[in-house]
Amino acid sequence: MDIGLILSQLLKLNGASQVVIAANKGIKTQVAKDIHASDVVIELDRENPDPQWDQIKKDYPFGFDIVVSVSYSEPILFVPSNVLEGEMTPHSS
C-alpha cells in the first residue's frame, strides 16, 4: 500500500478534522476513494492541473494547517503552511 494512503488513514484515525488528498489521477486516487482514506480526494490532471489547483484555492482560501508531501522517498511535513501562495517551509521529516 502507498505511504500516503496509510498516512492519511492514520491522520483520520487520530483526530484530524479534515483530510484532503490531492494527487495525480490514477489508481492511487481511486484506492483512496474506495477505502475512504480521506474526507476529500482531488484528482489532478497530469497534463493540465491548473484548473484543479484553482479550485483548491477557491475551496480552501486560507490554505491548510498541516501539509504532508509524500511525493518523495520520505514524507516531508510542512507546519504551518500557506501552500496556496507557495509558502512552504519544511518543519521536519
PDB file of N, CA and C in Angstrom:
ATOM      1  N   MET A   1       0.837  -1.177   0.000  1.00  0.00           N
ATOM      2  CA  MET A   1       0.000   0.000   0.000  1.00  0.00           C
ATOM      3  C   MET A   1       0.884   1.242   0.000  1.00  0.00           C
ATOM      4  N   ASP A   2       0.394   2.289  -0.516  1.00  0.00           N
ATOM      5  CA  ASP A   2       1.086   3.566  -0.646  1.00  0.00           C
ATOM      6  C   ASP A   2       1.233   4.266   0.707  1.00  0.00           C
ATOM      7  N   ILE A   3       2.406   4.831   0.961  1.00  0.00           N
ATOM      8  CA  ILE A   3       2.666   5.516   2.233  1.00  0.00           C
ATOM      9  C   ILE A   3       1.692   6.672   2.456  1.00  0.00           C
ATOM     10  N   GLY A   4       1.316   7.383   1.405  1.00  0.00           N
ATOM     11  CA  GLY A   4       0.378   8.488   1.547  1.00  0.00           C
ATOM     12  C   GLY A   4      -1.000   8.033   1.995  1.00  0.00           C
ATOM     13  N   LEU A   5      -1.460   6.899   1.468  1.00  0.00           N
ATOM     14  CA  LEU A   5      -2.763   6.373   1.865  1.00  0.00           C
ATOM     15  C   LEU A   5      -2.743   5.898   3.310  1.00  0.00           C
ATOM     16  N   ILE A   6      -1.649   5.269   3.704  1.00  0.00           N
ATOM     17  CA  ILE A   6      -1.519   4.830   5.095  1.00  0.00           C
ATOM     18  C   ILE A   6      -1.509   6.040   6.024  1.00  0.00           C
ATOM     19  N   LEU A   7      -0.717   7.046   5.666  1.00  0.00           N
ATOM     20  CA  LEU A   7      -0.615   8.236   6.498  1.00  0.00           C
ATOM     21  C   LEU A   7      -1.952   8.961   6.608  1.00  0.00           C
ATOM     22  N   SER A   8      -2.673   9.072   5.515  1.00  0.00           N
ATOM     23  CA  SER A   8      -3.965   9.767   5.565  1.00  0.00           C
ATOM     24  C   SER A   8      -4.947   9.029   6.473  1.00  0.00           C
ATOM     25  N   GLN A   9      -4.932   7.706   6.440  1.00  0.00           N
ATOM     26  CA  GLN A   9      -5.798   6.939   7.325  1.00  0.00           C
ATOM     27  C   GLN A   9      -5.400   7.134   8.785  1.00  0.00           C
ATOM     28  N   LEU A  10      -4.103   7.155   9.060  1.00  0.00           N
ATOM     29  CA  LEU A  10      -3.640   7.387  10.426  1.00  0.00           C
ATOM     30  C   LEU A  10      -4.044   8.770  10.924  1.00  0.00           C
ATOM     31  N   LEU A  11      -3.941   9.764  10.064  1.00  0.00           N
ATOM     32  CA  LEU A  11      -4.357  11.121  10.450  1.00  0.00           C
ATOM     33  C   LEU A  11      -5.839  11.149  10.807  1.00  0.00           C
ATOM     34  N   LYS A  12      -6.661  10.514   9.978  1.00  0.00           N
ATOM     35  CA  LYS A  12      -8.100  10.469  10.255  1.00  0.00           C
ATOM     36  C   LYS A  12      -8.394   9.740  11.556  1.00  0.00           C
ATOM     37  N   LEU A  13      -7.756   8.594  11.752  1.00  0.00           N
ATOM     38  CA  LEU A  13      -7.996   7.800  12.959  1.00  0.00           C
ATOM     39  C   LEU A  13      -7.546   8.502  14.232  1.00  0.00           C
ATOM     40  N   ASN A  14      -6.600   9.437  14.083  1.00  0.00           N
ATOM     41  CA  ASN A  14      -6.064  10.128  15.255  1.00  0.00           C
ATOM     42  C   ASN A  14      -6.596  11.545  15.414  1.00  0.00           C
ATOM     43  N   GLY A  15      -7.729  11.832  14.786  1.00  0.00           N
ATOM     44  CA  GLY A  15      -8.434  13.065  15.097  1.00  0.00           C
ATOM     45  C   GLY A  15      -8.296  14.236  14.152  1.00  0.00           C
ATOM     46  N   ALA A  16      -7.673  14.071  13.001  1.00  0.00           N
ATOM     47  CA  ALA A  16      -7.619  15.184  12.051  1.00  0.00           C
ATOM     48  C   ALA A  16      -9.053  15.558  11.670  1.00  0.00           C
ATOM     49  N   SER A  17      -9.365  16.852  11.715  1.00  0.00           N
ATOM     50  CA  SER A  17     -10.748  17.270  11.454  1.00  0.00           C
ATOM     51  C   SER A  17     -11.128  17.116   9.990  1.00  0.00           C
ATOM     52  N   GLN A  18     -10.181  17.298   9.092  1.00  0.00           N
ATOM     53  CA  GLN A  18     -10.450  17.074   7.673  1.00  0.00           C
ATOM     54  C   GLN A  18      -9.148  16.716   6.972  1.00  0.00           C
ATOM     55  N   VAL A  19      -9.175  15.618   6.234  1.00  0.00           N
ATOM     56  CA  VAL A  19      -8.016  15.168   5.476  1.00  0.00           C
ATOM     57  C   VAL A  19      -8.351  15.311   3.996  1.00  0.00           C
ATOM     58  N   VAL A  20      -7.478  16.011   3.282  1.00  0.00           N
ATOM     59  CA  VAL A  20      -7.658  16.233   1.851  1.00  0.00           C
ATOM     60  C   VAL A  20      -6.474  15.613   1.130  1.00  0.00           C
ATOM     61  N   ILE A  21      -6.748  14.762   0.157  1.00  0.00           N
ATOM     62  CA  ILE A  21      -5.700  14.198  -0.690  1.00  0.00           C
ATOM     63  C   ILE A  21      -5.794  14.873  -2.051  1.00  0.00           C
ATOM     64  N   ALA A  22      -4.681  15.426  -2.506  1.00  0.00           N
ATOM     65  CA  ALA A  22      -4.585  15.979  -3.859  1.00  0.00           C
ATOM     66  C   ALA A  22      -3.453  15.226  -4.542  1.00  0.00           C
ATOM     67  N   ALA A  23      -3.791  14.497  -5.603  1.00  0.00           N
ATOM     68  CA  ALA A  23      -2.791  13.668  -6.278  1.00  0.00           C
ATOM     69  C   ALA A  23      -3.169  13.501  -7.739  1.00  0.00           C
ATOM     70  N   ASN A  24      -2.184  13.124  -8.526  1.00  0.00           N
ATOM     71  CA  ASN A  24      -2.462  12.856  -9.932  1.00  0.00           C
ATOM     72  C   ASN A  24      -3.511  11.758 -10.055  1.00  0.00           C
ATOM     73  N   LYS A  25      -4.415  11.951 -10.994  1.00  0.00           N
ATOM     74  CA  LYS A  25      -5.481  10.981 -11.212  1.00  0.00           C
ATOM     75  C   LYS A  25      -4.872   9.640 -11.599  1.00  0.00           C
ATOM     76  N   GLY A  26      -5.373   8.589 -10.974  1.00  0.00           N
ATOM     77  CA  GLY A  26      -4.862   7.255 -11.272  1.00  0.00           C
ATOM     78  C   GLY A  26      -5.348   6.260 -10.256  1.00  0.00           C
ATOM     79  N   ILE A  27      -4.678   5.131 -10.207  1.00  0.00           N
ATOM     80  CA  ILE A  27      -5.096   4.044  -9.336  1.00  0.00           C
ATOM     81  C   ILE A  27      -5.054   4.445  -7.866  1.00  0.00           C
ATOM     82  N   LYS A  28      -4.057   5.243  -7.459  1.00  0.00           N
ATOM     83  CA  LYS A  28      -3.950   5.620  -6.049  1.00  0.00           C
ATOM     84  C   LYS A  28      -5.125   6.488  -5.601  1.00  0.00           C
ATOM     85  N   THR A  29      -5.570   7.399  -6.456  1.00  0.00           N
ATOM     86  CA  THR A  29      -6.721   8.215  -6.052  1.00  0.00           C
ATOM     87  C   THR A  29      -7.991   7.375  -6.017  1.00  0.00           C
ATOM     88  N   GLN A  30      -8.084   6.387  -6.896  1.00  0.00           N
ATOM     89  CA  GLN A  30      -9.253   5.506  -6.865  1.00  0.00           C
ATOM     90  C   GLN A  30      -9.251   4.660  -5.595  1.00  0.00           C
ATOM     91  N   VAL A  31      -8.077   4.147  -5.224  1.00  0.00           N
ATOM     92  CA  VAL A  31      -7.970   3.376  -3.991  1.00  0.00           C
ATOM     93  C   VAL A  31      -8.297   4.266  -2.789  1.00  0.00           C
ATOM     94  N   ALA A  32      -7.809   5.502  -2.800  1.00  0.00           N
ATOM     95  CA  ALA A  32      -8.106   6.442  -1.707  1.00  0.00           C
ATOM     96  C   ALA A  32      -9.610   6.608  -1.534  1.00  0.00           C
ATOM     97  N   LYS A  33     -10.330   6.724  -2.645  1.00  0.00           N
ATOM     98  CA  LYS A  33     -11.790   6.837  -2.575  1.00  0.00           C
ATOM     99  C   LYS A  33     -12.410   5.545  -2.064  1.00  0.00           C
ATOM    100  N   ASP A  34     -11.949   4.422  -2.592  1.00  0.00           N
ATOM    101  CA  ASP A  34     -12.523   3.118  -2.239  1.00  0.00           C
ATOM    102  C   ASP A  34     -12.379   2.785  -0.757  1.00  0.00           C
ATOM    103  N   ILE A  35     -11.237   3.145  -0.173  1.00  0.00           N
ATOM    104  CA  ILE A  35     -11.005   2.810   1.235  1.00  0.00           C
ATOM    105  C   ILE A  35     -11.318   3.978   2.176  1.00  0.00           C
ATOM    106  N   HIS A  36     -11.842   5.064   1.612  1.00  0.00           N
ATOM    107  CA  HIS A  36     -12.191   6.249   2.409  1.00  0.00           C
ATOM    108  C   HIS A  36     -10.986   6.748   3.205  1.00  0.00           C
ATOM    109  N   ALA A  37      -9.864   6.888   2.513  1.00  0.00           N
ATOM    110  CA  ALA A  37      -8.619   7.300   3.151  1.00  0.00           C
ATOM    111  C   ALA A  37      -8.613   8.771   3.546  1.00  0.00           C
ATOM    112  N   SER A  38      -9.551   9.549   3.019  1.00  0.00           N
ATOM    113  CA  SER A  38      -9.609  10.969   3.345  1.00  0.00           C
ATOM    114  C   SER A  38     -11.047  11.449   3.220  1.00  0.00           C
ATOM    115  N   ASP A  39     -11.247  12.682   3.652  1.00  0.00           N
ATOM    116  CA  ASP A  39     -12.575  13.286   3.522  1.00  0.00           C
ATOM    117  C   ASP A  39     -12.820  13.773   2.103  1.00  0.00           C
ATOM    118  N   VAL A  40     -11.753  14.217   1.458  1.00  0.00           N
ATOM    119  CA  VAL A  40     -11.836  14.750   0.098  1.00  0.00           C
ATOM    120  C   VAL A  40     -10.669  14.191  -0.711  1.00  0.00           C
ATOM    121  N   VAL A  41     -10.951  13.759  -1.932  1.00  0.00           N
ATOM    122  CA  VAL A  41      -9.903  13.342  -2.869  1.00  0.00           C
ATOM    123  C   VAL A  41     -10.007  14.238  -4.093  1.00  0.00           C
ATOM    124  N   ILE A  42      -8.933  14.950  -4.370  1.00  0.00           N
ATOM    125  CA  ILE A  42      -8.882  15.832  -5.531  1.00  0.00           C
ATOM    126  C   ILE A  42      -7.946  15.199  -6.546  1.00  0.00           C
ATOM    127  N   GLU A  43      -8.498  14.840  -7.699  1.00  0.00           N
ATOM    128  CA  GLU A  43      -7.698  14.202  -8.740  1.00  0.00           C
ATOM    129  C   GLU A  43      -7.159  15.269  -9.682  1.00  0.00           C
ATOM    130  N   LEU A  44      -5.843  15.346  -9.745  1.00  0.00           N
ATOM    131  CA  LEU A  44      -5.179  16.326 -10.593  1.00  0.00           C
ATOM    132  C   LEU A  44      -4.923  15.737 -11.977  1.00  0.00           C
ATOM    133  N   ASP A  45      -5.206  16.517 -12.987  1.00  0.00           N
ATOM    134  CA  ASP A  45      -4.929  16.120 -14.362  1.00  0.00           C
ATOM    135  C   ASP A  45      -3.424  16.245 -14.586  1.00  0.00           C
ATOM    136  N   ARG A  46      -2.788  15.185 -15.009  1.00  0.00           N
ATOM    137  CA  ARG A  46      -1.336  15.195 -15.215  1.00  0.00           C
ATOM    138  C   ARG A  46      -0.897  16.199 -16.284  1.00  0.00           C
ATOM    139  N   GLU A  47      -1.716  16.391 -17.285  1.00  0.00           N
ATOM    140  CA  GLU A  47      -1.367  17.289 -18.392  1.00  0.00           C
ATOM    141  C   GLU A  47      -1.681  18.750 -18.085  1.00  0.00           C
ATOM    142  N   ASN A  48      -2.772  18.990 -17.346  1.00  0.00           N
ATOM    143  CA  ASN A  48      -3.197  20.357 -17.073  1.00  0.00           C
ATOM    144  C   ASN A  48      -3.827  20.442 -15.686  1.00  0.00           C
ATOM    145  N   PRO A  49      -3.010  20.477 -14.624  1.00  0.00           N
ATOM    146  CA  PRO A  49      -3.560  20.507 -13.275  1.00  0.00           C
ATOM    147  C   PRO A  49      -4.040  21.884 -12.813  1.00  0.00           C
ATOM    148  N   ASP A  50      -3.794  22.915 -13.612  1.00  0.00           N
ATOM    149  CA  ASP A  50      -4.138  24.274 -13.185  1.00  0.00           C
ATOM    150  C   ASP A  50      -5.601  24.454 -12.788  1.00  0.00           C
ATOM    151  N   PRO A  51      -6.569  23.911 -13.525  1.00  0.00           N
ATOM    152  CA  PRO A  51      -7.962  24.084 -13.089  1.00  0.00           C
ATOM    153  C   PRO A  51      -8.237  23.470 -11.714  1.00  0.00           C
ATOM    154  N   GLN A  52      -7.624  22.327 -11.423  1.00  0.00           N
ATOM    155  CA  GLN A  52      -7.826  21.716 -10.115  1.00  0.00           C
ATOM    156  C   GLN A  52      -7.158  22.541  -9.020  1.00  0.00           C
ATOM    157  N   TRP A  53      -5.950  23.071  -9.280  1.00  0.00           N
ATOM    158  CA  TRP A  53      -5.289  23.930  -8.290  1.00  0.00           C
ATOM    159  C   TRP A  53      -6.107  25.190  -8.057  1.00  0.00           C
ATOM    160  N   ASP A  54      -6.670  25.748  -9.113  1.00  0.00           N
ATOM    161  CA  ASP A  54      -7.523  26.930  -8.955  1.00  0.00           C
ATOM    162  C   ASP A  54      -8.730  26.613  -8.081  1.00  0.00           C
ATOM    163  N   GLN A  55      -9.310  25.417  -8.258  1.00  0.00           N
ATOM    164  CA  GLN A  55     -10.459  25.028  -7.445  1.00  0.00           C
ATOM    165  C   GLN A  55     -10.049  24.829  -5.989  1.00  0.00           C
ATOM    166  N   ILE A  56      -8.865  24.280  -5.758  1.00  0.00           N
ATOM    167  CA  ILE A  56      -8.369  24.113  -4.390  1.00  0.00           C
ATOM    168  C   ILE A  56      -8.233  25.479  -3.725  1.00  0.00           C
ATOM    169  N   LYS A  57      -7.685  26.444  -4.443  1.00  0.00           N
ATOM    170  CA  LYS A  57      -7.537  27.799  -3.894  1.00  0.00           C
ATOM    171  C   LYS A  57      -8.896  28.404  -3.559  1.00  0.00           C
ATOM    172  N   LYS A  58      -9.878  28.123  -4.383  1.00  0.00           N
ATOM    173  CA  LYS A  58     -11.231  28.632  -4.153  1.00  0.00           C
ATOM    174  C   LYS A  58     -11.884  27.933  -2.956  1.00  0.00           C
ATOM    175  N   ASP A  59     -11.744  26.611  -2.878  1.00  0.00           N
ATOM    176  CA  ASP A  59     -12.372  25.833  -1.815  1.00  0.00           C
ATOM    177  C   ASP A  59     -11.679  26.002  -0.466  1.00  0.00           C
ATOM    178  N   TYR A  60     -10.380  26.267  -0.482  1.00  0.00           N
ATOM    179  CA  TYR A  60      -9.586  26.382   0.751  1.00  0.00           C
ATOM    180  C   TYR A  60      -8.792  27.696   0.727  1.00  0.00           C
ATOM    181  N   PRO A  61      -9.483  28.835   0.802  1.00  0.00           N
ATOM    182  CA  PRO A  61      -8.808  30.124   0.636  1.00  0.00           C
ATOM    183  C   PRO A  61      -7.782  30.441   1.719  1.00  0.00           C
ATOM    184  N   PHE A  62      -7.859  29.777   2.857  1.00  0.00           N
ATOM    185  CA  PHE A  62      -6.904  30.024   3.936  1.00  0.00           C
ATOM    186  C   PHE A  62      -5.823  28.956   4.011  1.00  0.00           C
ATOM    187  N   GLY A  63      -5.793  28.082   3.023  1.00  0.00           N
ATOM    188  CA  GLY A  63      -4.778  27.039   2.986  1.00  0.00           C
ATOM    189  C   GLY A  63      -5.089  25.920   3.958  1.00  0.00           C
ATOM    190  N   PHE A  64      -4.048  25.260   4.417  1.00  0.00           N
ATOM    191  CA  PHE A  64      -4.173  24.106   5.292  1.00  0.00           C
ATOM    192  C   PHE A  64      -3.280  24.307   6.513  1.00  0.00           C
ATOM    193  N   ASP A  65      -3.685  23.755   7.646  1.00  0.00           N
ATOM    194  CA  ASP A  65      -2.877  23.865   8.865  1.00  0.00           C
ATOM    195  C   ASP A  65      -1.615  23.021   8.769  1.00  0.00           C
ATOM    196  N   ILE A  66      -1.735  21.857   8.172  1.00  0.00           N
ATOM    197  CA  ILE A  66      -0.598  20.946   8.022  1.00  0.00           C
ATOM    198  C   ILE A  66      -0.626  20.357   6.623  1.00  0.00           C
ATOM    199  N   VAL A  67       0.534  20.294   5.998  1.00  0.00           N
ATOM    200  CA  VAL A  67       0.663  19.674   4.683  1.00  0.00           C
ATOM    201  C   VAL A  67       1.756  18.633   4.777  1.00  0.00           C
ATOM    202  N   VAL A  68       1.463  17.440   4.284  1.00  0.00           N
ATOM    203  CA  VAL A  68       2.455  16.379   4.247  1.00  0.00           C
ATOM    204  C   VAL A  68       2.661  15.992   2.786  1.00  0.00           C
ATOM    205  N   SER A  69       3.877  16.143   2.320  1.00  0.00           N
ATOM    206  CA  SER A  69       4.208  15.752   0.956  1.00  0.00           C
ATOM    207  C   SER A  69       4.804  14.355   0.984  1.00  0.00           C
ATOM    208  N   VAL A  70       4.183  13.442   0.267  1.00  0.00           N
ATOM    209  CA  VAL A  70       4.706  12.075   0.201  1.00  0.00           C
ATOM    210  C   VAL A  70       5.094  11.727  -1.234  1.00  0.00           C
ATOM    211  N   SER A  71       5.491  12.743  -1.971  1.00  0.00           N
ATOM    212  CA  SER A  71       5.889  12.538  -3.358  1.00  0.00           C
ATOM    213  C   SER A  71       7.295  11.967  -3.479  1.00  0.00           C
ATOM    214  N   TYR A  72       8.057  12.052  -2.426  1.00  0.00           N
ATOM    215  CA  TYR A  72       9.444  11.612  -2.458  1.00  0.00           C
ATOM    216  C   TYR A  72       9.600  10.360  -1.607  1.00  0.00           C
ATOM    217  N   SER A  73      10.815   9.931  -1.424  1.00  0.00           N
ATOM    218  CA  SER A  73      11.046   8.685  -0.699  1.00  0.00           C
ATOM    219  C   SER A  73      10.670   8.782   0.776  1.00  0.00           C
ATOM    220  N   GLU A  74      10.786   9.965   1.361  1.00  0.00           N
ATOM    221  CA  GLU A  74      10.413  10.151   2.758  1.00  0.00           C
ATOM    222  C   GLU A  74       9.369  11.252   2.851  1.00  0.00           C
ATOM    223  N   PRO A  75       8.348  11.066   3.711  1.00  0.00           N
ATOM    224  CA  PRO A  75       7.356  12.133   3.893  1.00  0.00           C
ATOM    225  C   PRO A  75       8.006  13.392   4.446  1.00  0.00           C
ATOM    226  N   ILE A  76       7.523  14.540   4.009  1.00  0.00           N
ATOM    227  CA  ILE A  76       8.000  15.831   4.484  1.00  0.00           C
ATOM    228  C   ILE A  76       6.809  16.560   5.079  1.00  0.00           C
ATOM    229  N   LEU A  77       6.956  17.058   6.308  1.00  0.00           N
ATOM    230  CA  LEU A  77       5.886  17.752   6.998  1.00  0.00           C
ATOM    231  C   LEU A  77       6.116  19.249   6.916  1.00  0.00           C
ATOM    232  N   PHE A  78       5.082  19.989   6.539  1.00  0.00           N
ATOM    233  CA  PHE A  78       5.141  21.441   6.466  1.00  0.00           C
ATOM    234  C   PHE A  78       4.155  22.009   7.484  1.00  0.00           C
ATOM    235  N   VAL A  79       4.655  22.786   8.491  1.00  0.00           N
ATOM    236  CA  VAL A  79       3.797  23.365   9.521  1.00  0.00           C
ATOM    237  C   VAL A  79       4.338  24.721   9.908  1.00  0.00           C
ATOM    238  N   PRO A  80       3.524  25.758  10.037  1.00  0.00           N
ATOM    239  CA  PRO A  80       2.229  25.899   9.380  1.00  0.00           C
ATOM    240  C   PRO A  80       2.453  26.128   7.898  1.00  0.00           C
ATOM    241  N   SER A  81       1.386  26.177   7.156  1.00  0.00           N
ATOM    242  CA  SER A  81       1.579  26.314   5.726  1.00  0.00           C
ATOM    243  C   SER A  81       0.570  27.258   5.111  1.00  0.00           C
ATOM    244  N   ASN A  82       0.965  27.819   4.030  1.00  0.00           N
ATOM    245  CA  ASN A  82       0.044  28.534   3.166  1.00  0.00           C
ATOM    246  C   ASN A  82       0.427  28.101   1.758  1.00  0.00           C
ATOM    247  N   VAL A  83       0.128  26.850   1.450  1.00  0.00           N
ATOM    248  CA  VAL A  83       0.556  26.272   0.185  1.00  0.00           C
ATOM    249  C   VAL A  83      -0.076  26.948  -0.999  1.00  0.00           C
ATOM    250  N   LEU A  84      -1.194  27.602  -0.795  1.00  0.00           N
ATOM    251  CA  LEU A  84      -1.873  28.231  -1.921  1.00  0.00           C
ATOM    252  C   LEU A  84      -1.096  29.426  -2.456  1.00  0.00           C
ATOM    253  N   GLU A  85      -0.229  29.985  -1.633  1.00  0.00           N
ATOM    254  CA  GLU A  85       0.605  31.093  -2.091  1.00  0.00           C
ATOM    255  C   GLU A  85       2.033  30.644  -2.284  1.00  0.00           C
ATOM    256  N   GLY A  86       2.271  29.342  -2.205  1.00  0.00           N
ATOM    257  CA  GLY A  86       3.603  28.807  -2.465  1.00  0.00           C
ATOM    258  C   GLY A  86       4.582  28.965  -1.327  1.00  0.00           C
ATOM    259  N   GLU A  87       4.095  29.273  -0.116  1.00  0.00           N
ATOM    260  CA  GLU A  87       4.987  29.445   1.015  1.00  0.00           C
ATOM    261  C   GLU A  87       5.016  28.159   1.821  1.00  0.00           C
ATOM    262  N   MET A  88       5.926  27.260   1.479  1.00  0.00           N
ATOM    263  CA  MET A  88       6.035  26.010   2.217  1.00  0.00           C
ATOM    264  C   MET A  88       7.414  25.929   2.841  1.00  0.00           C
ATOM    265  N   THR A  89       7.462  25.818   4.151  1.00  0.00           N
ATOM    266  CA  THR A  89       8.713  25.723   4.855  1.00  0.00           C
ATOM    267  C   THR A  89       8.824  24.384   5.540  1.00  0.00           C
ATOM    268  N   PRO A  90       9.775  23.546   5.177  1.00  0.00           N
ATOM    269  CA  PRO A  90       9.894  22.237   5.830  1.00  0.00           C
ATOM    270  C   PRO A  90      10.106  22.397   7.333  1.00  0.00           C
ATOM    271  N   HIS A  91       9.326  21.644   8.096  1.00  0.00           N
ATOM    272  CA  HIS A  91       9.438  21.682   9.560  1.00  0.00           C
ATOM    273  C   HIS A  91      10.244  20.473  10.039  1.00  0.00           C
ATOM    274  N   SER A  92       9.889  19.315   9.566  1.00  0.00           N
ATOM    275  CA  SER A  92      10.632  18.109   9.917  1.00  0.00           C
ATOM    276  C   SER A  92      10.295  17.029   8.915  1.00  0.00           C
ATOM    277  N   SER A  93      11.047  15.978   8.934  1.00  0.00           N
ATOM    278  CA  SER A  93      10.750  14.856   8.030  1.00  0.00           C
ATOM    279  C   SER A  93      10.711  13.568   8.788  1.00  0.00           C
TER     280      SER A  93
END
